[in-house]
């Protein structure tokens, strides 16, 4: 599954995405191809990305150097300030 959505009408245009599938199905290759393809066809003025990998960061290894990448997050428990405005985490 790959989900790409737009922000609400009147807001700054934004896209978000999420990929989910079984181990070994090619998710990492799909995501690397998508990130590199978008970076190759858009300037960093047009496109900024935050890359999130729950499996230790190997999927996006080396891509943090792209000017389009604002952050690579590999463990949300250690990065709550990046996902919650008050830094306390969801549900608090």
PDB file of N, CA and C in Angstrom:
ATOM      1  N   UNK A   1       0.842  -1.166   0.000  1.00  0.00           N
ATOM      2  CA  UNK A   1       0.000   0.000   0.000  1.00  0.00           C
ATOM      3  C   UNK A   1       0.890   1.231   0.000  1.00  0.00           C
ATOM      4  N   UNK A   2       0.608   2.191  -0.844  1.00  0.00           N
ATOM      5  CA  UNK A   2       1.278   3.481  -0.838  1.00  0.00           C
ATOM      6  C   UNK A   2       0.201   4.535  -0.789  1.00  0.00           C
ATOM      7  N   UNK A   3       0.253   5.369   0.225  1.00  0.00           N
ATOM      8  CA  UNK A   3      -0.744   6.412   0.423  1.00  0.00           C
ATOM      9  C   UNK A   3      -0.100   7.764   0.200  1.00  0.00           C
ATOM     10  N   UNK A   4      -0.643   8.528  -0.704  1.00  0.00           N
ATOM     11  CA  UNK A   4      -0.185   9.894  -0.926  1.00  0.00           C
ATOM     12  C   UNK A   4      -1.422  10.774  -0.873  1.00  0.00           C
ATOM     13  N   UNK A   5      -1.381  11.797  -0.032  1.00  0.00           N
ATOM     14  CA  UNK A   5      -2.560  12.650   0.129  1.00  0.00           C
ATOM     15  C   UNK A   5      -2.182  14.118   0.056  1.00  0.00           C
ATOM     16  N   UNK A   6      -3.170  14.962  -0.152  1.00  0.00           N
ATOM     17  CA  UNK A   6      -2.993  16.409  -0.190  1.00  0.00           C
ATOM     18  C   UNK A   6      -3.487  17.020   1.102  1.00  0.00           C
ATOM     19  N   UNK A   7      -3.027  18.241   1.369  1.00  0.00           N
ATOM     20  CA  UNK A   7      -3.522  18.959   2.541  1.00  0.00           C
ATOM     21  C   UNK A   7      -4.916  19.503   2.250  1.00  0.00           C
ATOM     22  N   UNK A   8      -5.571  20.008   3.284  1.00  0.00           N
ATOM     23  CA  UNK A   8      -6.935  20.516   3.134  1.00  0.00           C
ATOM     24  C   UNK A   8      -6.948  21.757   2.232  1.00  0.00           C
ATOM     25  N   UNK A   9      -8.091  22.071   1.612  1.00  0.00           N
ATOM     26  CA  UNK A   9      -8.198  23.246   0.743  1.00  0.00           C
ATOM     27  C   UNK A   9      -7.831  24.523   1.493  1.00  0.00           C
ATOM     28  N   UNK A  10      -7.074  25.391   0.840  1.00  0.00           N
ATOM     29  CA  UNK A  10      -6.673  26.655   1.432  1.00  0.00           C
ATOM     30  C   UNK A  10      -5.388  26.590   2.227  1.00  0.00           C
ATOM     31  N   UNK A  11      -4.900  25.386   2.528  1.00  0.00           N
ATOM     32  CA  UNK A  11      -3.653  25.229   3.285  1.00  0.00           C
ATOM     33  C   UNK A  11      -2.479  25.193   2.315  1.00  0.00           C
ATOM     34  N   UNK A  12      -1.282  25.296   2.865  1.00  0.00           N
ATOM     35  CA  UNK A  12      -0.077  25.174   2.048  1.00  0.00           C
ATOM     36  C   UNK A  12      -0.078  23.772   1.437  1.00  0.00           C
ATOM     37  N   UNK A  13       0.107  23.658   0.119  1.00  0.00           N
ATOM     38  CA  UNK A  13       0.078  22.337  -0.512  1.00  0.00           C
ATOM     39  C   UNK A  13       1.122  21.409   0.101  1.00  0.00           C
ATOM     40  N   UNK A  14       0.706  20.207   0.461  1.00  0.00           N
ATOM     41  CA  UNK A  14       1.618  19.221   1.047  1.00  0.00           C
ATOM     42  C   UNK A  14       1.179  17.825   0.639  1.00  0.00           C
ATOM     43  N   UNK A  15       2.124  16.924   0.591  1.00  0.00           N
ATOM     44  CA  UNK A  15       1.833  15.525   0.296  1.00  0.00           C
ATOM     45  C   UNK A  15       2.471  14.685   1.392  1.00  0.00           C
ATOM     46  N   UNK A  16       1.821  13.629   1.788  1.00  0.00           N
ATOM     47  CA  UNK A  16       2.392  12.680   2.728  1.00  0.00           C
ATOM     48  C   UNK A  16       2.243  11.293   2.146  1.00  0.00           C
ATOM     49  N   UNK A  17       3.084  10.390   2.545  1.00  0.00           N
ATOM     50  CA  UNK A  17       2.991   9.041   2.020  1.00  0.00           C
ATOM     51  C   UNK A  17       3.375   8.008   3.050  1.00  0.00           C
ATOM     52  N   UNK A  18       2.886   6.804   2.839  1.00  0.00           N
ATOM     53  CA  UNK A  18       3.188   5.689   3.732  1.00  0.00           C
ATOM     54  C   UNK A  18       3.173   4.412   2.891  1.00  0.00           C
ATOM     55  N   UNK A  19       4.155   3.554   3.097  1.00  0.00           N
ATOM     56  CA  UNK A  19       4.190   2.281   2.376  1.00  0.00           C
ATOM     57  C   UNK A  19       4.126   1.149   3.385  1.00  0.00           C
ATOM     58  N   UNK A  20       3.308   0.156   3.093  1.00  0.00           N
ATOM     59  CA  UNK A  20       3.166  -0.992   3.980  1.00  0.00           C
ATOM     60  C   UNK A  20       3.002  -2.253   3.142  1.00  0.00           C
ATOM     61  N   UNK A  21       3.772  -3.287   3.483  1.00  0.00           N
ATOM     62  CA  UNK A  21       3.665  -4.572   2.791  1.00  0.00           C
ATOM     63  C   UNK A  21       4.506  -5.589   3.556  1.00  0.00           C
ATOM     64  N   UNK A  22       4.496  -6.823   3.098  1.00  0.00           N
ATOM     65  CA  UNK A  22       5.240  -7.902   3.743  1.00  0.00           C
ATOM     66  C   UNK A  22       6.744  -7.728   3.562  1.00  0.00           C
ATOM     67  N   UNK A  23       7.515  -8.318   4.467  1.00  0.00           N
ATOM     68  CA  UNK A  23       8.967  -8.334   4.384  1.00  0.00           C
ATOM     69  C   UNK A  23       9.405  -8.931   3.052  1.00  0.00           C
ATOM     70  N   UNK A  24      10.357  -8.276   2.411  1.00  0.00           N
ATOM     71  CA  UNK A  24      10.895  -8.781   1.159  1.00  0.00           C
ATOM     72  C   UNK A  24      10.080  -8.453  -0.073  1.00  0.00           C
ATOM     73  N   UNK A  25       9.055  -7.607   0.077  1.00  0.00           N
ATOM     74  CA  UNK A  25       8.187  -7.297  -1.065  1.00  0.00           C
ATOM     75  C   UNK A  25       8.707  -6.143  -1.921  1.00  0.00           C
ATOM     76  N   UNK A  26       9.767  -5.461  -1.489  1.00  0.00           N
ATOM     77  CA  UNK A  26      10.341  -4.388  -2.300  1.00  0.00           C
ATOM     78  C   UNK A  26       9.988  -2.986  -1.849  1.00  0.00           C
ATOM     79  N   UNK A  27       9.478  -2.832  -0.638  1.00  0.00           N
ATOM     80  CA  UNK A  27       9.109  -1.498  -0.125  1.00  0.00           C
ATOM     81  C   UNK A  27      10.298  -0.551  -0.132  1.00  0.00           C
ATOM     82  N   UNK A  28      11.431  -1.019   0.380  1.00  0.00           N
ATOM     83  CA  UNK A  28      12.607  -0.155   0.470  1.00  0.00           C
ATOM     84  C   UNK A  28      13.043   0.330  -0.904  1.00  0.00           C
ATOM     85  N   UNK A  29      13.074  -0.565  -1.872  1.00  0.00           N
ATOM     86  CA  UNK A  29      13.460  -0.174  -3.233  1.00  0.00           C
ATOM     87  C   UNK A  29      12.460   0.814  -3.832  1.00  0.00           C
ATOM     88  N   UNK A  30      11.173   0.573  -3.584  1.00  0.00           N
ATOM     89  CA  UNK A  30      10.146   1.499  -4.058  1.00  0.00           C
ATOM     90  C   UNK A  30      10.352   2.886  -3.457  1.00  0.00           C
ATOM     91  N   UNK A  31      10.563   2.937  -2.138  1.00  0.00           N
ATOM     92  CA  UNK A  31      10.726   4.232  -1.475  1.00  0.00           C
ATOM     93  C   UNK A  31      11.991   4.947  -1.915  1.00  0.00           C
ATOM     94  N   UNK A  32      13.106   4.229  -2.039  1.00  0.00           N
ATOM     95  CA  UNK A  32      14.351   4.855  -2.521  1.00  0.00           C
ATOM     96  C   UNK A  32      14.169   5.394  -3.940  1.00  0.00           C
ATOM     97  N   UNK A  33      13.518   4.615  -4.788  1.00  0.00           N
ATOM     98  CA  UNK A  33      13.267   5.051  -6.167  1.00  0.00           C
ATOM     99  C   UNK A  33      12.383   6.286  -6.193  1.00  0.00           C
ATOM    100  N   UNK A  34      11.343   6.302  -5.369  1.00  0.00           N
ATOM    101  CA  UNK A  34      10.439   7.449  -5.292  1.00  0.00           C
ATOM    102  C   UNK A  34      11.175   8.697  -4.810  1.00  0.00           C
ATOM    103  N   UNK A  35      11.940   8.575  -3.734  1.00  0.00           N
ATOM    104  CA  UNK A  35      12.681   9.717  -3.187  1.00  0.00           C
ATOM    105  C   UNK A  35      13.693  10.240  -4.208  1.00  0.00           C
ATOM    106  N   UNK A  36      14.466   9.347  -4.808  1.00  0.00           N
ATOM    107  CA  UNK A  36      15.468   9.784  -5.785  1.00  0.00           C
ATOM    108  C   UNK A  36      14.829  10.373  -7.037  1.00  0.00           C
ATOM    109  N   UNK A  37      13.726   9.783  -7.482  1.00  0.00           N
ATOM    110  CA  UNK A  37      13.017  10.315  -8.650  1.00  0.00           C
ATOM    111  C   UNK A  37      12.456  11.703  -8.395  1.00  0.00           C
ATOM    112  N   UNK A  38      11.858  11.900  -7.229  1.00  0.00           N
ATOM    113  CA  UNK A  38      11.327  13.224  -6.884  1.00  0.00           C
ATOM    114  C   UNK A  38      12.447  14.246  -6.756  1.00  0.00           C
ATOM    115  N   UNK A  39      13.562  13.845  -6.141  1.00  0.00           N
ATOM    116  CA  UNK A  39      14.698  14.760  -5.990  1.00  0.00           C
ATOM    117  C   UNK A  39      15.310  15.126  -7.341  1.00  0.00           C
ATOM    118  N   UNK A  40      15.302  14.187  -8.271  1.00  0.00           N
ATOM    119  CA  UNK A  40      15.872  14.440  -9.597  1.00  0.00           C
ATOM    120  C   UNK A  40      14.999  15.353 -10.450  1.00  0.00           C
ATOM    121  N   UNK A  41      13.698  15.385 -10.165  1.00  0.00           N
ATOM    122  CA  UNK A  41      12.782  16.150 -11.015  1.00  0.00           C
ATOM    123  C   UNK A  41      12.233  17.416 -10.356  1.00  0.00           C
ATOM    124  N   UNK A  42      12.621  17.676  -9.096  1.00  0.00           N
ATOM    125  CA  UNK A  42      12.156  18.864  -8.383  1.00  0.00           C
ATOM    126  C   UNK A  42      13.323  19.511  -7.654  1.00  0.00           C
ATOM    127  N   UNK A  43      13.337  20.821  -7.601  1.00  0.00           N
ATOM    128  CA  UNK A  43      14.376  21.514  -6.846  1.00  0.00           C
ATOM    129  C   UNK A  43      14.065  21.423  -5.355  1.00  0.00           C
ATOM    130  N   UNK A  44      15.062  21.701  -4.537  1.00  0.00           N
ATOM    131  CA  UNK A  44      14.830  21.694  -3.093  1.00  0.00           C
ATOM    132  C   UNK A  44      13.967  22.878  -2.660  1.00  0.00           C
ATOM    133  N   UNK A  45      13.793  23.854  -3.540  1.00  0.00           N
ATOM    134  CA  UNK A  45      12.850  24.957  -3.283  1.00  0.00           C
ATOM    135  C   UNK A  45      11.408  24.469  -3.425  1.00  0.00           C
ATOM    136  N   UNK A  46      11.188  23.487  -4.290  1.00  0.00           N
ATOM    137  CA  UNK A  46       9.850  22.954  -4.546  1.00  0.00           C
ATOM    138  C   UNK A  46       9.497  21.776  -3.641  1.00  0.00           C
ATOM    139  N   UNK A  47      10.494  21.059  -3.147  1.00  0.00           N
ATOM    140  CA  UNK A  47      10.253  19.793  -2.466  1.00  0.00           C
ATOM    141  C   UNK A  47      11.164  19.637  -1.253  1.00  0.00           C
ATOM    142  N   UNK A  48      10.569  19.379  -0.107  1.00  0.00           N
ATOM    143  CA  UNK A  48      11.296  19.018   1.117  1.00  0.00           C
ATOM    144  C   UNK A  48      10.699  17.733   1.649  1.00  0.00           C
ATOM    145  N   UNK A  49      11.563  16.864   2.175  1.00  0.00           N
ATOM    146  CA  UNK A  49      11.097  15.569   2.664  1.00  0.00           C
ATOM    147  C   UNK A  49      11.619  15.286   4.062  1.00  0.00           C
ATOM    148  N   UNK A  50      10.789  14.654   4.876  1.00  0.00           N
ATOM    149  CA  UNK A  50      11.199  14.048   6.134  1.00  0.00           C
ATOM    150  C   UNK A  50      11.003  12.556   5.928  1.00  0.00           C
ATOM    151  N   UNK A  51      12.078  11.800   6.018  1.00  0.00           N
ATOM    152  CA  UNK A  51      12.041  10.364   5.756  1.00  0.00           C
ATOM    153  C   UNK A  51      12.004   9.622   7.080  1.00  0.00           C
ATOM    154  N   UNK A  52      11.043   8.723   7.237  1.00  0.00           N
ATOM    155  CA  UNK A  52      10.865   7.978   8.484  1.00  0.00           C
ATOM    156  C   UNK A  52      10.987   6.484   8.191  1.00  0.00           C
ATOM    157  N   UNK A  53      11.891   5.822   8.921  1.00  0.00           N
ATOM    158  CA  UNK A  53      12.128   4.393   8.741  1.00  0.00           C
ATOM    159  C   UNK A  53      12.140   3.723  10.105  1.00  0.00           C
ATOM    160  N   UNK A  54      11.151   2.876  10.389  1.00  0.00           N
ATOM    161  CA  UNK A  54      11.038   2.200  11.677  1.00  0.00           C
ATOM    162  C   UNK A  54      11.977   1.011  11.814  1.00  0.00           C
ATOM    163  N   UNK A  55      12.734   0.684  10.785  1.00  0.00           N
ATOM    164  CA  UNK A  55      13.594  -0.499  10.812  1.00  0.00           C
ATOM    165  C   UNK A  55      15.083  -0.139  10.863  1.00  0.00           C
ATOM    166  N   UNK A  56      15.427   0.959  11.519  1.00  0.00           N
ATOM    167  CA  UNK A  56      16.835   1.267  11.739  1.00  0.00           C
ATOM    168  C   UNK A  56      17.480   2.209  10.746  1.00  0.00           C
ATOM    169  N   UNK A  57      16.781   2.645   9.728  1.00  0.00           N
ATOM    170  CA  UNK A  57      17.307   3.656   8.826  1.00  0.00           C
ATOM    171  C   UNK A  57      18.006   3.168   7.581  1.00  0.00           C
ATOM    172  N   UNK A  58      18.123   1.864   7.381  1.00  0.00           N
ATOM    173  CA  UNK A  58      18.840   1.353   6.211  1.00  0.00           C
ATOM    174  C   UNK A  58      18.161   1.728   4.895  1.00  0.00           C
ATOM    175  N   UNK A  59      16.849   1.860   4.899  1.00  0.00           N
ATOM    176  CA  UNK A  59      16.118   2.190   3.669  1.00  0.00           C
ATOM    177  C   UNK A  59      16.610   3.498   3.061  1.00  0.00           C
ATOM    178  N   UNK A  60      16.851   4.485   3.882  1.00  0.00           N
ATOM    179  CA  UNK A  60      17.203   5.806   3.383  1.00  0.00           C
ATOM    180  C   UNK A  60      18.679   6.137   3.575  1.00  0.00           C
ATOM    181  N   UNK A  61      19.510   5.126   3.795  1.00  0.00           N
ATOM    182  CA  UNK A  61      20.937   5.312   3.993  1.00  0.00           C
ATOM    183  C   UNK A  61      21.552   6.090   2.825  1.00  0.00           C
ATOM    184  N   UNK A  62      22.226   7.183   3.119  1.00  0.00           N
ATOM    185  CA  UNK A  62      22.872   7.998   2.095  1.00  0.00           C
ATOM    186  C   UNK A  62      21.994   9.082   1.520  1.00  0.00           C
ATOM    187  N   UNK A  63      20.687   9.020   1.760  1.00  0.00           N
ATOM    188  CA  UNK A  63      19.791  10.015   1.169  1.00  0.00           C
ATOM    189  C   UNK A  63      19.685  11.286   2.006  1.00  0.00           C
ATOM    190  N   UNK A  64      20.191  11.262   3.237  1.00  0.00           N
ATOM    191  CA  UNK A  64      20.117  12.452   4.092  1.00  0.00           C
ATOM    192  C   UNK A  64      20.951  13.590   3.543  1.00  0.00           C
ATOM    193  N   UNK A  65      21.872  13.301   2.636  1.00  0.00           N
ATOM    194  CA  UNK A  65      22.720  14.335   2.040  1.00  0.00           C
ATOM    195  C   UNK A  65      22.000  15.136   0.952  1.00  0.00           C
ATOM    196  N   UNK A  66      20.872  14.633   0.485  1.00  0.00           N
ATOM    197  CA  UNK A  66      20.109  15.379  -0.528  1.00  0.00           C
ATOM    198  C   UNK A  66      19.633  16.702   0.072  1.00  0.00           C
ATOM    199  N   UNK A  67      19.705  17.797  -0.671  1.00  0.00           N
ATOM    200  CA  UNK A  67      19.241  19.084  -0.138  1.00  0.00           C
ATOM    201  C   UNK A  67      17.738  19.106   0.130  1.00  0.00           C
ATOM    202  N   UNK A  68      17.007  18.165  -0.421  1.00  0.00           N
ATOM    203  CA  UNK A  68      15.558  18.069  -0.247  1.00  0.00           C
ATOM    204  C   UNK A  68      15.170  17.468   1.104  1.00  0.00           C
ATOM    205  N   UNK A  69      16.095  16.761   1.760  1.00  0.00           N
ATOM    206  CA  UNK A  69      15.797  16.013   2.977  1.00  0.00           C
ATOM    207  C   UNK A  69      16.032  16.877   4.205  1.00  0.00           C
ATOM    208  N   UNK A  70      14.937  17.169   4.917  1.00  0.00           N
ATOM    209  CA  UNK A  70      15.018  17.984   6.129  1.00  0.00           C
ATOM    210  C   UNK A  70      15.444  17.135   7.318  1.00  0.00           C
ATOM    211  N   UNK A  71      15.041  15.858   7.352  1.00  0.00           N
ATOM    212  CA  UNK A  71      15.395  14.973   8.462  1.00  0.00           C
ATOM    213  C   UNK A  71      15.157  13.528   8.065  1.00  0.00           C
ATOM    214  N   UNK A  72      15.914  12.631   8.695  1.00  0.00           N
ATOM    215  CA  UNK A  72      15.675  11.195   8.605  1.00  0.00           C
ATOM    216  C   UNK A  72      15.449  10.728  10.036  1.00  0.00           C
ATOM    217  N   UNK A  73      14.277  10.178  10.296  1.00  0.00           N
ATOM    218  CA  UNK A  73      13.900   9.720  11.634  1.00  0.00           C
ATOM    219  C   UNK A  73      13.851   8.198  11.608  1.00  0.00           C
ATOM    220  N   UNK A  74      14.581   7.567  12.538  1.00  0.00           N
ATOM    221  CA  UNK A  74      14.611   6.113  12.547  1.00  0.00           C
ATOM    222  C   UNK A  74      14.003   5.511  13.817  1.00  0.00           C
ATOM    223  N   UNK A  75      13.798   6.303  14.862  1.00  0.00           N
ATOM    224  CA  UNK A  75      13.190   5.787  16.075  1.00  0.00           C
ATOM    225  C   UNK A  75      12.378   6.903  16.712  1.00  0.00           C
ATOM    226  N   UNK A  76      11.072   6.871  16.542  1.00  0.00           N
ATOM    227  CA  UNK A  76      10.227   7.954  17.024  1.00  0.00           C
ATOM    228  C   UNK A  76      10.271   8.113  18.532  1.00  0.00           C
ATOM    229  N   UNK A  77      10.549   7.057  19.286  1.00  0.00           N
ATOM    230  CA  UNK A  77      10.622   7.182  20.738  1.00  0.00           C
ATOM    231  C   UNK A  77      11.739   8.135  21.157  1.00  0.00           C
ATOM    232  N   UNK A  78      12.799   8.209  20.351  1.00  0.00           N
ATOM    233  CA  UNK A  78      13.911   9.104  20.645  1.00  0.00           C
ATOM    234  C   UNK A  78      13.738  10.484  20.028  1.00  0.00           C
ATOM    235  N   UNK A  79      12.705  10.675  19.224  1.00  0.00           N
ATOM    236  CA  UNK A  79      12.529  11.916  18.479  1.00  0.00           C
ATOM    237  C   UNK A  79      11.148  12.523  18.678  1.00  0.00           C
ATOM    238  N   UNK A  80      10.578  12.439  19.877  1.00  0.00           N
ATOM    239  CA  UNK A  80       9.229  12.935  20.123  1.00  0.00           C
ATOM    240  C   UNK A  80       9.080  14.414  19.805  1.00  0.00           C
ATOM    241  N   UNK A  81      10.123  15.194  19.976  1.00  0.00           N
ATOM    242  CA  UNK A  81      10.019  16.621  19.685  1.00  0.00           C
ATOM    243  C   UNK A  81       9.788  16.878  18.197  1.00  0.00           C
ATOM    244  N   UNK A  82      10.132  15.915  17.344  1.00  0.00           N
ATOM    245  CA  UNK A  82       9.907  16.077  15.910  1.00  0.00           C
ATOM    246  C   UNK A  82       8.486  15.734  15.492  1.00  0.00           C
ATOM    247  N   UNK A  83       7.774  14.944  16.303  1.00  0.00           N
ATOM    248  CA  UNK A  83       6.437  14.506  15.907  1.00  0.00           C
ATOM    249  C   UNK A  83       5.323  15.129  16.737  1.00  0.00           C
ATOM    250  N   UNK A  84       5.647  15.741  17.863  1.00  0.00           N
ATOM    251  CA  UNK A  84       4.653  16.401  18.705  1.00  0.00           C
ATOM    252  C   UNK A  84       5.114  17.816  19.013  1.00  0.00           C
ATOM    253  N   UNK A  85       4.262  18.807  18.812  1.00  0.00           N
ATOM    254  CA  UNK A  85       4.662  20.198  19.051  1.00  0.00           C
ATOM    255  C   UNK A  85       5.183  20.454  20.471  1.00  0.00           C
ATOM    256  N   UNK A  86       4.622  19.773  21.469  1.00  0.00           N
ATOM    257  CA  UNK A  86       5.057  19.995  22.848  1.00  0.00           C
ATOM    258  C   UNK A  86       6.117  18.998  23.309  1.00  0.00           C
ATOM    259  N   UNK A  87       6.506  18.058  22.427  1.00  0.00           N
ATOM    260  CA  UNK A  87       7.539  17.091  22.743  1.00  0.00           C
ATOM    261  C   UNK A  87       7.132  16.004  23.724  1.00  0.00           C
ATOM    262  N   UNK A  88       5.858  15.901  24.070  1.00  0.00           N
ATOM    263  CA  UNK A  88       5.406  14.912  25.063  1.00  0.00           C
ATOM    264  C   UNK A  88       4.956  13.605  24.442  1.00  0.00           C
ATOM    265  N   UNK A  89       4.742  13.549  23.158  1.00  0.00           N
ATOM    266  CA  UNK A  89       4.278  12.320  22.537  1.00  0.00           C
ATOM    267  C   UNK A  89       2.769  12.272  22.411  1.00  0.00           C
ATOM    268  N   UNK A  90       2.290  11.403  21.568  1.00  0.00           N
ATOM    269  CA  UNK A  90       0.860  11.268  21.321  1.00  0.00           C
ATOM    270  C   UNK A  90       0.155  10.681  22.524  1.00  0.00           C
ATOM    271  N   UNK A  91      -1.071  11.115  22.744  1.00  0.00           N
ATOM    272  CA  UNK A  91      -1.905  10.533  23.770  1.00  0.00           C
ATOM    273  C   UNK A  91      -1.669  11.058  25.170  1.00  0.00           C
ATOM    274  N   UNK A  92      -0.876  12.104  25.296  1.00  0.00           N
ATOM    275  CA  UNK A  92      -0.624  12.673  26.634  1.00  0.00           C
ATOM    276  C   UNK A  92      -1.296  14.008  26.771  1.00  0.00           C
TER     277      UNK A  92
END
